[in-house]
Amino acid sequence: MLSSLSSSTPLPPTAPLPPTAHGGAPIGETAPTVPAQAHCAAEEQAASRGGGVRTAAVGGLASPRARPASEPAGAAPARYPRSCVTELRLSAFAGHRRARFPLGAVTLFTGASGSGKSTALRAYEALARLGGGARLTEVFADPVACVPQGARPDAQRRRGFRIGCTADGPAGPVRLDVAVQAEPELRIVGERLSAGGVVLLETALRDPGRRTVQAAWHTGGSAPVTRAPLPDDRLGTALLPLRVAGKTEGQRQVLAAAEQMVVALRSVFPCDPQPDWMGVPVPTGSGRLLTGCDNLADVLWRTRQECGRRHAALVAALSAGSAGPAGPVVDLRAEPLADGTVRAVLDRASGGPTELARLGYGELRYLALALVLLTGPDVLDVDPAGEVPAATQTLTLLADGLDRGLDVRQRAELLRLAVRMAERGHIRCVAAVGDGSWAARTDGVTVVDLGP
């Protein structure tokens, strides 16, 4: 039997939405979602015992309880002036069950191969793309791989998975939980958006024959809720700003929560530098860095002209992480070629220019990741919320294998750079590393240890 979508964080008692028009249970209470899992009470009990996930906050190890994901309504002013994701929940996703991961300004997932580091980042990226309005088929190329291992189908041969997150910001902690059916067809079958103990949006699959879910969102006026069908292949939260008028206090609360969640999710840049392509000459284009960083020369051509201060910081970071025999790096530039392309070169204190293609694998990855940390959404191939000023948004870098190919010096310098930039509030970093012991006692770093 498939369990219903439910909350997994110990919030105050959540106010349910009124019954459906035909007198049934509140929306979402009986909706089929994912394979049988422990109910929210079991998840809360597991979390209260430590949950099996060890995290290193600033300066040491701590239980997830040390960083609560949510606070009672009105308990304190917002701790985050800019919207950002502060908790990732994998209630039932691939190898993770009832997992809650606190996310700090710089978070490193660590553990042995197969412990689920990359899976956690994949779930985060999926939520980010859904928050940006992508359809399920665009986000989950192989949805069956996301179904919890060993999950058995119900009588209708349905299986699925459940993920969620908490976004903090001016509106306070906002929770989003999503249940996705992977078999026999891909669709969202339940979604819940809540804040301050109040359910602001709840959807449920009522008629499997229709490609819609029944949605109800908080109104707070003469009618307590508004009901309407929403498509079952897109995140309802991302659609709310287009559907809610904002005339009542309840509607404005819904809009504030939905916009905070969408802004937090959309400002994500997954980055996996590909050194084999980074030194190749490329034609000039938009100057926006791709996730594989293969158009690095084009980006350097732009940033060196438009932002000398940040470019100088990049050169200094590259010099700190590079110990070439020709001395420190004094410049990094893109030079035009006769065929109309540009190639990236660097200059050292002694010796002539060196093509980036001659640098080592680790040096190129270090350079690319440092560039991302020092730039903003306008230089990256990311689609932030255009309606929100850039100064109020926080970019999140997702980096699987952050330390891949880096030597001890480079990984330490890169982590220091990430912490320094995160302190300014404009960027966060969520990454996976093989061994996080070297970073466990670094101020400003949260280490989530998934164990052996």
Protein backbone atom coordinates (compact mmCIF):
# COMPACT_ATOMS: atom_id res chain seq x y z
CA MET A 1 0.00 0.00 0.00
CA LEU A 2 1.23 3.51 -0.77
CA SER A 3 1.56 5.93 2.11
CA SER A 4 0.26 9.50 1.99
CA LEU A 5 2.49 12.54 1.72
CA SER A 6 3.32 13.72 5.19
CA SER A 7 5.58 16.07 7.05
CA SER A 8 8.77 14.80 8.64
CA THR A 9 10.06 17.76 10.66
CA PRO A 10 8.80 18.31 14.24
CA LEU A 11 6.82 21.47 13.52
CA PRO A 12 3.98 22.59 15.75
CA PRO A 13 0.68 20.86 14.88
CA THR A 14 -0.05 21.76 11.27
CA ALA A 15 -3.43 23.27 10.59
CA PRO A 16 -5.10 21.08 7.96
CA LEU A 17 -7.09 22.45 5.07
CA PRO A 18 -10.88 22.04 5.28
CA PRO A 19 -12.53 18.90 3.88
CA THR A 20 -13.16 18.55 0.19
CA ALA A 21 -16.47 19.65 -1.24
CA HIS A 22 -17.75 16.09 -1.34
CA GLY A 23 -17.07 15.59 2.35
CA GLY A 24 -13.91 13.51 2.03
CA ALA A 25 -10.68 13.74 3.98
CA PRO A 26 -8.48 16.84 3.75
CA ILE A 27 -6.55 17.04 0.52
CA GLY A 28 -3.40 14.95 0.61
CA GLU A 29 -4.43 12.73 3.51
CA THR A 30 -5.42 9.76 1.38
CA ALA A 31 -3.56 10.51 -1.82
CA PRO A 32 -1.48 7.58 -3.10
CA THR A 33 2.14 8.61 -3.33
CA VAL A 34 5.14 6.45 -2.64
CA PRO A 35 5.81 2.92 -1.37
CA ALA A 36 5.00 2.19 2.24
CA GLN A 37 7.30 4.10 4.55
CA ALA A 38 7.18 4.97 8.23
CA HIS A 39 4.75 7.83 8.95
CA CYS A 40 5.92 11.25 10.02
CA ALA A 41 5.92 10.28 13.71
CA ALA A 42 8.47 7.56 13.03
CA GLU A 43 10.60 10.02 11.08
CA GLU A 44 10.48 12.51 13.95
CA GLN A 45 11.47 9.80 16.43
CA ALA A 46 14.40 8.80 14.23
CA ALA A 47 15.50 12.43 13.98
CA SER A 48 15.24 12.91 17.73
CA ARG A 49 17.59 9.94 18.25
CA GLY A 50 20.17 11.46 15.91
CA GLY A 51 18.95 9.92 12.66
CA GLY A 52 22.22 8.13 11.95
CA VAL A 53 23.57 11.16 10.11
CA ARG A 54 26.50 12.92 11.73
CA THR A 55 27.14 16.55 10.92
CA ALA A 56 30.06 18.76 11.70
CA ALA A 57 28.94 22.31 12.30
CA VAL A 58 31.35 25.12 12.93
CA GLY A 59 34.33 23.60 14.67
CA GLY A 60 33.11 20.08 15.40
CA LEU A 61 30.56 17.28 15.27
CA ALA A 62 26.92 17.72 16.20
CA SER A 63 23.61 15.98 15.82
CA PRO A 64 21.10 17.34 13.30
CA ARG A 65 19.10 18.40 16.35
CA ALA A 66 21.66 21.15 16.93
CA ARG A 67 20.37 22.94 13.86
CA PRO A 68 16.56 22.92 13.84
CA ALA A 69 15.02 23.14 10.39
CA SER A 70 12.01 25.13 11.50
CA GLU A 71 10.81 27.35 14.30
CA PRO A 72 7.38 28.01 15.77
CA ALA A 73 5.51 30.87 14.16
CA GLY A 74 6.56 34.21 15.57
CA ALA A 75 9.38 32.77 17.68
CA ALA A 76 12.13 34.99 16.25
CA PRO A 77 12.88 37.29 13.34
CA ALA A 78 14.16 35.76 10.13
CA ARG A 79 17.77 34.62 10.43
CA TYR A 80 18.34 34.75 6.69
CA PRO A 81 17.86 38.07 4.85
CA ARG A 82 18.19 36.22 1.53
CA SER A 83 16.28 33.10 0.52
CA CYS A 84 18.30 29.90 0.77
CA VAL A 85 17.76 26.17 1.29
CA THR A 86 18.70 25.18 4.85
CA GLU A 87 17.57 21.54 4.92
CA LEU A 88 17.29 18.72 2.40
CA ARG A 89 14.91 15.84 3.12
CA LEU A 90 15.06 12.49 1.35
CA SER A 91 12.13 10.68 2.93
CA ALA A 92 12.27 7.95 0.30
CA PHE A 93 14.77 8.48 -2.51
CA ALA A 94 17.11 5.87 -4.02
CA GLY A 95 19.27 4.59 -1.14
CA HIS A 96 18.04 7.19 1.37
CA ARG A 97 15.07 6.73 3.72
CA ARG A 98 13.85 9.21 6.33
CA ALA A 99 17.02 11.27 5.84
CA ARG A 100 17.29 14.92 6.88
CA PHE A 101 20.42 16.88 6.04
CA PRO A 102 21.11 20.36 7.50
CA LEU A 103 22.69 22.71 4.97
CA GLY A 104 24.97 25.50 6.07
CA ALA A 105 26.59 28.26 4.05
CA VAL A 106 29.25 25.72 3.01
CA THR A 107 28.20 22.08 3.29
CA LEU A 108 30.29 19.04 2.44
CA PHE A 109 28.74 15.59 2.10
CA THR A 110 31.33 12.96 2.89
CA GLY A 111 31.38 9.18 3.05
CA ALA A 112 32.58 6.07 1.30
CA SER A 113 31.75 5.29 -2.30
CA GLY A 114 28.10 4.26 -2.51
CA SER A 115 27.08 6.06 0.70
CA GLY A 116 24.73 8.39 -1.17
CA LYS A 117 26.69 11.65 -1.50
CA SER A 118 26.00 12.10 -5.19
CA THR A 119 22.41 10.96 -4.71
CA ALA A 120 21.80 13.76 -2.19
CA LEU A 121 23.17 16.36 -4.61
CA ARG A 122 21.09 14.85 -7.42
CA ALA A 123 17.94 15.25 -5.33
CA TYR A 124 18.85 18.87 -4.56
CA GLU A 125 19.40 19.59 -8.25
CA ALA A 126 16.07 17.95 -9.10
CA LEU A 127 14.23 20.19 -6.64
CA ALA A 128 16.04 23.20 -8.07
CA ARG A 129 14.96 22.39 -11.60
CA LEU A 130 11.38 21.75 -10.53
CA GLY A 131 11.42 25.08 -8.71
CA GLY A 132 12.49 26.69 -11.98
CA GLY A 133 9.40 25.34 -13.72
CA ALA A 134 10.89 22.30 -15.48
CA ARG A 135 8.65 19.34 -16.25
CA LEU A 136 9.16 16.00 -14.55
CA THR A 137 10.37 14.32 -17.75
CA GLU A 138 13.07 16.99 -18.09
CA VAL A 139 14.25 16.49 -14.52
CA PHE A 140 14.08 12.70 -14.09
CA ALA A 141 15.50 10.94 -17.13
CA ASP A 142 15.44 7.63 -15.23
CA PRO A 143 12.78 7.99 -12.51
CA VAL A 144 12.84 4.30 -11.60
CA ALA A 145 16.42 4.76 -10.38
CA CYS A 146 15.06 7.21 -7.79
CA VAL A 147 12.64 4.68 -6.27
CA PRO A 148 13.86 3.45 -2.86
CA GLN A 149 15.83 0.27 -3.12
CA GLY A 150 13.69 -2.78 -2.41
CA ALA A 151 10.40 -0.87 -2.62
CA ARG A 152 7.55 -3.11 -3.76
CA PRO A 153 4.66 -1.88 -5.92
CA ASP A 154 1.12 -1.70 -4.60
CA ALA A 155 -1.90 -3.49 -6.07
CA GLN A 156 -1.98 -0.97 -8.95
CA ARG A 157 1.74 -1.58 -9.55
CA ARG A 158 2.63 1.95 -8.46
CA ARG A 159 6.02 2.89 -7.05
CA GLY A 160 7.59 6.27 -6.41
CA PHE A 161 9.76 8.46 -4.22
CA ARG A 162 9.48 11.44 -1.86
CA ILE A 163 11.82 14.42 -1.45
CA GLY A 164 11.61 17.85 0.13
CA CYS A 165 13.48 20.81 1.55
CA THR A 166 13.21 23.83 3.81
CA ALA A 167 13.93 27.32 2.47
CA ASP A 168 14.63 30.05 5.00
CA GLY A 169 14.49 33.76 4.38
CA PRO A 170 12.45 36.88 5.15
CA ALA A 171 9.24 34.81 5.35
CA GLY A 172 10.81 32.45 7.92
CA PRO A 173 11.27 28.70 7.42
CA VAL A 174 9.12 27.35 4.56
CA ARG A 175 8.79 23.60 3.99
CA LEU A 176 8.18 21.84 0.69
CA ASP A 177 7.49 18.11 0.38
CA VAL A 178 6.84 16.39 -2.94
CA ALA A 179 5.70 12.84 -3.70
CA VAL A 180 6.42 11.55 -7.20
CA GLN A 181 5.03 8.41 -8.81
CA ALA A 182 7.66 6.78 -11.01
CA GLU A 183 5.69 3.75 -12.16
CA PRO A 184 3.61 3.00 -14.14
CA GLU A 185 3.78 6.63 -15.31
CA LEU A 186 5.76 9.61 -14.09
CA ARG A 187 3.65 12.19 -12.26
CA ILE A 188 3.48 14.31 -9.11
CA VAL A 189 0.83 12.79 -6.86
CA GLY A 190 1.20 14.95 -3.76
CA GLU A 191 2.76 18.24 -2.75
CA ARG A 192 2.69 20.26 0.46
CA LEU A 193 3.94 23.78 1.10
CA SER A 194 3.77 24.94 4.70
CA ALA A 195 5.10 27.70 6.96
CA GLY A 196 4.57 28.58 10.58
CA GLY A 197 2.54 25.43 11.18
CA VAL A 198 0.02 26.29 8.45
CA VAL A 199 -0.45 24.30 5.25
CA LEU A 200 -0.39 26.88 2.47
CA LEU A 201 -0.69 24.53 -0.50
CA GLU A 202 -1.63 20.88 -0.67
CA THR A 203 -2.24 18.76 -3.75
CA ALA A 204 -3.40 15.19 -4.21
CA LEU A 205 -4.13 12.83 -7.08
CA ARG A 206 -7.88 12.23 -7.07
CA ASP A 207 -8.50 10.78 -10.50
CA PRO A 208 -5.68 8.66 -11.97
CA GLY A 209 -7.33 8.99 -15.36
CA ARG A 210 -6.68 12.73 -15.50
CA ARG A 211 -3.26 14.37 -15.89
CA THR A 212 -4.01 16.81 -13.07
CA VAL A 213 -3.92 16.91 -9.30
CA GLN A 214 -6.50 18.59 -7.10
CA ALA A 215 -4.91 21.60 -5.40
CA ALA A 216 -6.05 23.71 -2.47
CA TRP A 217 -4.25 26.79 -1.26
CA HIS A 218 -4.77 29.00 1.75
CA THR A 219 -6.91 32.10 1.21
CA GLY A 220 -7.89 33.35 4.64
CA GLY A 221 -10.77 35.47 3.36
CA SER A 222 -14.48 34.72 3.13
CA ALA A 223 -13.49 31.40 1.56
CA PRO A 224 -10.79 29.68 3.66
CA VAL A 225 -9.21 27.93 0.66
CA THR A 226 -9.18 28.10 -3.11
CA ARG A 227 -9.39 24.85 -5.08
CA ALA A 228 -8.32 24.26 -8.66
CA PRO A 229 -6.67 21.56 -10.76
CA LEU A 230 -2.96 21.83 -11.47
CA PRO A 231 -0.86 19.82 -13.97
CA ASP A 232 0.69 16.67 -12.52
CA ASP A 233 4.02 17.12 -14.31
CA ARG A 234 5.10 20.41 -12.76
CA LEU A 235 5.68 21.70 -9.25
CA GLY A 236 2.57 23.47 -8.00
CA THR A 237 4.58 25.82 -5.80
CA ALA A 238 6.30 27.26 -8.88
CA LEU A 239 2.90 27.96 -10.45
CA LEU A 240 1.35 29.73 -7.45
CA PRO A 241 2.69 33.23 -8.26
CA LEU A 242 0.71 33.01 -11.51
CA ARG A 243 -2.48 31.75 -9.84
CA VAL A 244 -2.78 33.68 -6.56
CA ALA A 245 -4.05 37.26 -6.66
CA GLY A 246 -2.62 38.39 -3.33
CA LYS A 247 -5.79 40.27 -2.27
CA THR A 248 -6.15 38.75 1.21
CA GLU A 249 -3.64 38.36 4.01
CA GLY A 250 -3.76 34.58 3.54
CA GLN A 251 -3.03 34.89 -0.17
CA ARG A 252 -0.12 37.20 0.51
CA GLN A 253 1.24 34.65 2.98
CA VAL A 254 1.01 31.98 0.28
CA LEU A 255 2.75 34.20 -2.25
CA ALA A 256 5.55 35.13 0.15
CA ALA A 257 6.22 31.48 1.00
CA ALA A 258 6.04 30.28 -2.61
CA GLU A 259 8.27 33.06 -3.91
CA GLN A 260 10.83 32.46 -1.18
CA MET A 261 10.96 28.75 -2.04
CA VAL A 262 11.20 29.38 -5.78
CA VAL A 263 13.93 32.01 -5.40
CA ALA A 264 15.95 29.70 -3.14
CA LEU A 265 15.66 26.78 -5.55
CA ARG A 266 16.17 28.59 -8.84
CA SER A 267 19.48 30.18 -7.79
CA VAL A 268 21.42 26.90 -8.09
CA PHE A 269 24.39 26.24 -10.36
CA PRO A 270 25.52 22.59 -10.69
CA CYS A 271 29.17 22.64 -11.69
CA ASP A 272 31.32 19.74 -12.86
CA PRO A 273 34.40 21.15 -14.61
CA GLN A 274 35.69 19.07 -17.53
CA PRO A 275 39.43 19.81 -17.82
CA ASP A 276 39.76 17.97 -21.16
CA TRP A 277 37.71 20.72 -22.82
CA MET A 278 38.61 23.79 -20.78
CA GLY A 279 41.84 24.54 -22.65
CA VAL A 280 40.30 24.28 -26.13
CA PRO A 281 39.83 27.57 -28.07
CA VAL A 282 36.15 28.55 -28.28
CA PRO A 283 34.17 31.16 -30.19
CA THR A 284 33.03 34.21 -28.28
CA GLY A 285 29.42 33.99 -27.17
CA SER A 286 27.27 35.02 -24.23
CA GLY A 287 30.16 34.90 -21.77
CA ARG A 288 28.04 32.81 -19.37
CA LEU A 289 29.87 29.84 -17.88
CA LEU A 290 28.42 26.42 -18.71
CA THR A 291 28.17 23.68 -16.09
CA GLY A 292 31.11 21.80 -17.63
CA CYS A 293 33.18 25.01 -17.83
CA ASP A 294 34.24 24.11 -21.38
CA ASN A 295 33.69 27.72 -22.52
CA LEU A 296 36.06 29.08 -19.88
CA ALA A 297 38.06 31.16 -22.39
CA ASP A 298 34.92 33.00 -23.50
CA VAL A 299 34.03 33.79 -19.89
CA LEU A 300 37.53 35.08 -19.12
CA TRP A 301 37.35 37.28 -22.22
CA ARG A 302 34.28 38.91 -20.69
CA THR A 303 35.10 39.05 -16.97
CA ARG A 304 38.58 40.50 -17.43
CA GLN A 305 37.06 43.50 -19.22
CA GLU A 306 33.92 43.96 -17.12
CA CYS A 307 35.07 43.32 -13.56
CA GLY A 308 38.72 43.98 -12.92
CA ARG A 309 38.38 43.67 -9.16
CA ARG A 310 36.94 40.16 -9.20
CA HIS A 311 39.30 39.13 -11.97
CA ALA A 312 42.22 40.22 -9.80
CA ALA A 313 40.79 38.12 -6.96
CA LEU A 314 40.62 35.14 -9.33
CA VAL A 315 44.26 35.60 -10.34
CA ALA A 316 45.26 35.77 -6.67
CA ALA A 317 43.26 32.60 -5.90
CA LEU A 318 44.86 30.78 -8.83
CA SER A 319 48.31 31.85 -7.70
CA ALA A 320 47.59 30.62 -4.14
CA GLY A 321 46.59 27.19 -5.44
CA SER A 322 49.27 26.84 -8.09
CA ALA A 323 52.93 26.18 -7.36
CA GLY A 324 54.52 26.16 -10.79
CA PRO A 325 58.31 26.35 -11.25
CA ALA A 326 57.92 29.63 -13.16
CA GLY A 327 56.65 31.44 -10.07
CA PRO A 328 53.24 32.83 -9.04
CA VAL A 329 50.48 33.63 -11.51
CA VAL A 330 50.31 37.34 -12.34
CA ASP A 331 47.54 37.35 -14.96
CA LEU A 332 44.87 35.18 -16.53
CA ARG A 333 43.45 36.23 -19.86
CA ALA A 334 41.87 35.18 -23.11
CA GLU A 335 43.66 36.02 -26.33
CA PRO A 336 41.97 36.13 -29.75
CA LEU A 337 43.10 33.81 -32.53
CA ALA A 338 43.08 34.31 -36.28
CA ASP A 339 40.07 32.04 -36.79
CA GLY A 340 37.85 34.21 -34.55
CA THR A 341 38.08 32.01 -31.46
CA VAL A 342 39.72 32.83 -28.13
CA ARG A 343 41.97 30.70 -25.97
CA ALA A 344 42.80 31.07 -22.29
CA VAL A 345 46.37 31.66 -21.18
CA LEU A 346 48.04 32.60 -17.93
CA ASP A 347 51.16 34.62 -17.22
CA ARG A 348 53.59 33.84 -14.42
CA ALA A 349 56.17 36.04 -12.77
CA SER A 350 58.87 34.52 -14.96
CA GLY A 351 58.53 32.85 -18.32
CA GLY A 352 56.16 33.45 -21.20
CA PRO A 353 52.40 32.86 -21.42
CA THR A 354 51.17 29.32 -20.77
CA GLU A 355 48.11 27.91 -22.51
CA LEU A 356 45.51 26.53 -20.10
CA ALA A 357 45.63 23.29 -22.06
CA ARG A 358 49.08 22.70 -20.57
CA LEU A 359 47.84 22.85 -16.98
CA GLY A 360 47.14 19.73 -14.98
CA TYR A 361 43.74 18.18 -14.33
CA GLY A 362 43.57 19.45 -10.74
CA GLU A 363 44.77 22.95 -11.63
CA LEU A 364 42.00 23.33 -14.21
CA ARG A 365 39.29 22.10 -11.87
CA TYR A 366 40.56 24.40 -9.13
CA LEU A 367 40.52 27.37 -11.52
CA ALA A 368 36.97 26.68 -12.70
CA LEU A 369 35.53 26.24 -9.22
CA ALA A 370 37.30 29.37 -7.96
CA LEU A 371 35.82 31.31 -10.88
CA VAL A 372 32.30 30.19 -9.95
CA LEU A 373 32.79 31.19 -6.31
CA LEU A 374 34.03 34.64 -7.30
CA THR A 375 31.35 35.46 -9.88
CA GLY A 376 27.57 35.83 -9.76
CA PRO A 377 24.46 34.63 -11.60
CA ASP A 378 25.03 37.09 -14.47
CA VAL A 379 28.27 35.24 -15.38
CA LEU A 380 26.89 31.70 -14.97
CA ASP A 381 24.47 29.75 -17.14
CA VAL A 382 21.77 29.84 -14.47
CA ASP A 383 18.20 31.13 -14.53
CA PRO A 384 17.62 33.10 -11.30
CA ALA A 385 14.31 34.74 -10.46
CA GLY A 386 14.26 37.78 -12.73
CA GLU A 387 11.56 39.53 -10.68
CA VAL A 388 13.81 39.64 -7.60
CA PRO A 389 16.84 41.99 -7.40
CA ALA A 390 20.12 40.11 -7.67
CA ALA A 391 21.34 41.72 -4.43
CA THR A 392 18.63 39.83 -2.50
CA GLN A 393 19.39 36.42 -4.02
CA THR A 394 21.91 33.82 -2.92
CA LEU A 395 23.58 31.64 -5.54
CA THR A 396 24.20 28.03 -4.51
CA LEU A 397 27.05 26.09 -6.08
CA LEU A 398 26.46 22.33 -6.34
CA ALA A 399 29.73 20.46 -6.86
CA ASP A 400 29.92 16.67 -6.89
CA GLY A 401 33.51 15.58 -6.28
CA LEU A 402 34.69 19.00 -5.16
CA ASP A 403 38.11 17.62 -4.21
CA ARG A 404 38.53 15.42 -7.29
CA GLY A 405 42.02 15.88 -8.72
CA LEU A 406 42.97 18.57 -6.20
CA ASP A 407 46.06 18.35 -4.04
CA VAL A 408 46.04 19.18 -0.32
CA ARG A 409 46.95 22.80 -0.92
CA GLN A 410 44.33 23.37 -3.61
CA ARG A 411 41.43 21.85 -1.68
CA ALA A 412 42.33 23.90 1.43
CA GLU A 413 42.56 27.14 -0.58
CA LEU A 414 39.30 26.39 -2.37
CA LEU A 415 37.49 25.74 0.91
CA ARG A 416 38.84 28.96 2.40
CA LEU A 417 37.64 30.84 -0.65
CA ALA A 418 34.18 29.25 -0.38
CA VAL A 419 33.89 30.23 3.29
CA ARG A 420 35.08 33.77 2.63
CA MET A 421 32.61 34.33 -0.19
CA ALA A 422 29.77 32.68 1.76
CA GLU A 423 30.34 35.10 4.64
CA ARG A 424 29.27 37.90 2.30
CA GLY A 425 25.90 36.20 1.90
CA HIS A 426 25.74 36.08 -1.89
CA ILE A 427 26.85 32.49 -2.44
CA ARG A 428 26.52 29.12 -0.73
CA CYS A 429 28.21 25.85 -1.56
CA VAL A 430 26.91 22.28 -1.29
CA ALA A 431 29.45 19.70 -2.38
CA ALA A 432 30.46 16.05 -2.08
CA VAL A 433 33.96 14.94 -1.13
CA GLY A 434 35.47 11.52 -0.55
CA ASP A 435 37.04 12.29 2.83
CA GLY A 436 35.82 15.25 4.82
CA SER A 437 38.03 14.85 7.88
CA TRP A 438 40.35 17.61 6.63
CA ALA A 439 37.43 20.08 6.66
CA ALA A 440 35.55 18.95 9.79
CA ARG A 441 37.02 21.66 12.02
CA THR A 442 37.00 24.53 9.56
CA ASP A 443 34.96 27.47 10.80
CA GLY A 444 31.90 28.10 8.65
CA VAL A 445 31.77 24.56 7.20
CA THR A 446 29.05 21.95 7.82
CA VAL A 447 30.20 18.39 7.21
CA VAL A 448 27.47 15.77 6.71
CA ASP A 449 29.08 12.37 7.26
CA LEU A 450 27.14 9.56 5.60
CA GLY A 451 29.39 6.95 7.16
CA PRO A 452 31.33 4.05 5.69
